Protein backbone atom coordinates (compact mmCIF):
# COMPACT_ATOMS: atom_id res chain seq x y z
CA MET A 1 -7.43 91.65 29.67
CA ILE A 2 -8.06 89.13 32.41
CA SER A 3 -7.74 86.27 29.90
CA LEU A 4 -4.32 87.54 28.88
CA ALA A 5 -3.23 87.81 32.53
CA VAL A 6 -4.45 84.25 33.19
CA SER A 7 -2.65 82.99 30.07
CA LEU A 8 0.55 84.64 31.23
CA GLY A 9 0.26 82.90 34.61
CA ALA A 10 -0.47 86.01 36.69
CA PHE A 11 -3.01 84.09 38.79
CA ASN A 12 -2.84 80.76 40.59
CA ALA A 13 -5.43 78.00 40.08
CA ASP A 14 -7.66 79.08 42.99
CA GLN A 15 -7.72 82.66 41.75
CA VAL A 16 -8.60 81.52 38.23
CA LYS A 17 -11.45 79.42 39.64
CA SER A 18 -12.74 82.41 41.63
CA LEU A 19 -12.53 84.68 38.58
CA ALA A 20 -14.45 82.13 36.50
CA ASN A 21 -17.16 81.99 39.17
CA LEU A 22 -17.33 85.79 39.30
CA SER A 23 -17.62 85.90 35.52
CA ARG A 24 -20.55 83.45 35.53
CA TRP A 25 -22.40 85.44 38.20
CA ALA A 26 -21.81 88.74 36.39
CA PHE A 27 -23.15 87.18 33.18
CA LEU A 28 -26.27 85.88 34.96
CA LEU A 29 -26.94 89.20 36.68
CA THR A 30 -26.55 91.08 33.40
CA PHE A 31 -29.13 88.94 31.65
CA ALA A 32 -31.45 89.05 34.63
CA GLY A 33 -31.30 92.85 34.44
CA VAL A 34 -32.11 92.78 30.75
CA GLY A 35 -35.03 90.45 31.41
CA LEU A 36 -36.39 92.61 34.21
CA ARG A 37 -36.45 95.65 31.92
CA THR A 38 -38.28 93.82 29.13
CA ASN A 39 -41.64 95.44 28.43
CA PHE A 40 -43.79 92.84 26.69
CA ARG A 41 -46.58 95.33 25.91
CA GLU A 42 -44.11 97.50 24.02
CA LEU A 43 -42.74 94.44 22.21
CA SER A 44 -46.24 93.39 21.16
CA ARG A 45 -46.89 96.91 19.76
CA GLN A 46 -43.85 96.55 17.51
CA GLY A 47 -45.52 93.71 15.64
CA LEU A 48 -44.14 90.48 14.23
CA ARG A 49 -41.67 91.95 11.72
CA PRO A 50 -38.86 92.85 14.22
CA PHE A 51 -39.21 89.43 15.84
CA ALA A 52 -39.01 87.70 12.45
CA VAL A 53 -35.95 89.75 11.46
CA GLY A 54 -34.26 88.83 14.76
CA VAL A 55 -35.01 85.13 14.32
CA LEU A 56 -33.81 85.22 10.72
CA GLY A 57 -30.60 86.96 11.79
CA GLU A 58 -29.93 84.38 14.51
CA VAL A 59 -30.56 81.48 12.13
CA LEU A 60 -28.23 83.05 9.57
CA ILE A 61 -25.49 83.47 12.18
CA ALA A 62 -25.93 79.86 13.34
CA VAL A 63 -25.74 78.51 9.77
CA LEU A 64 -22.69 80.66 9.01
CA THR A 65 -20.94 79.51 12.20
CA LEU A 66 -21.73 75.88 11.45
CA GLY A 67 -20.36 76.33 7.93
CA LEU A 68 -17.13 77.81 9.31
CA VAL A 69 -16.73 74.95 11.78
CA VAL A 70 -17.39 72.28 9.14
CA GLY A 71 -15.08 74.05 6.68
CA ALA A 72 -12.29 74.34 9.25
CA ASN A 73 -12.73 70.68 10.12
CA ARG A 74 -12.37 69.64 6.48
CA ILE A 75 -9.38 71.89 5.85
CA TRP A 76 -7.39 71.11 8.99
CA SER A 77 -8.91 67.71 9.90
CA LEU A 78 -9.68 68.80 13.45
């Protein structure tokens, strides 16, 4: 919603800069909160299979995204 408002010119340049800074801080605090709640003992009890599935999923997403970018580049000569 904020992106749409910025695109429509609802904010001046200083406000956009402040919103971008706020967004970065909110992102950092969110991931810090996730990290602080991580229980490594519980993760180790889960075993290697969930970790391997997660890594495989991330690699698949990365390969798919790269394929889309390369395909788009070939089609539209970006």
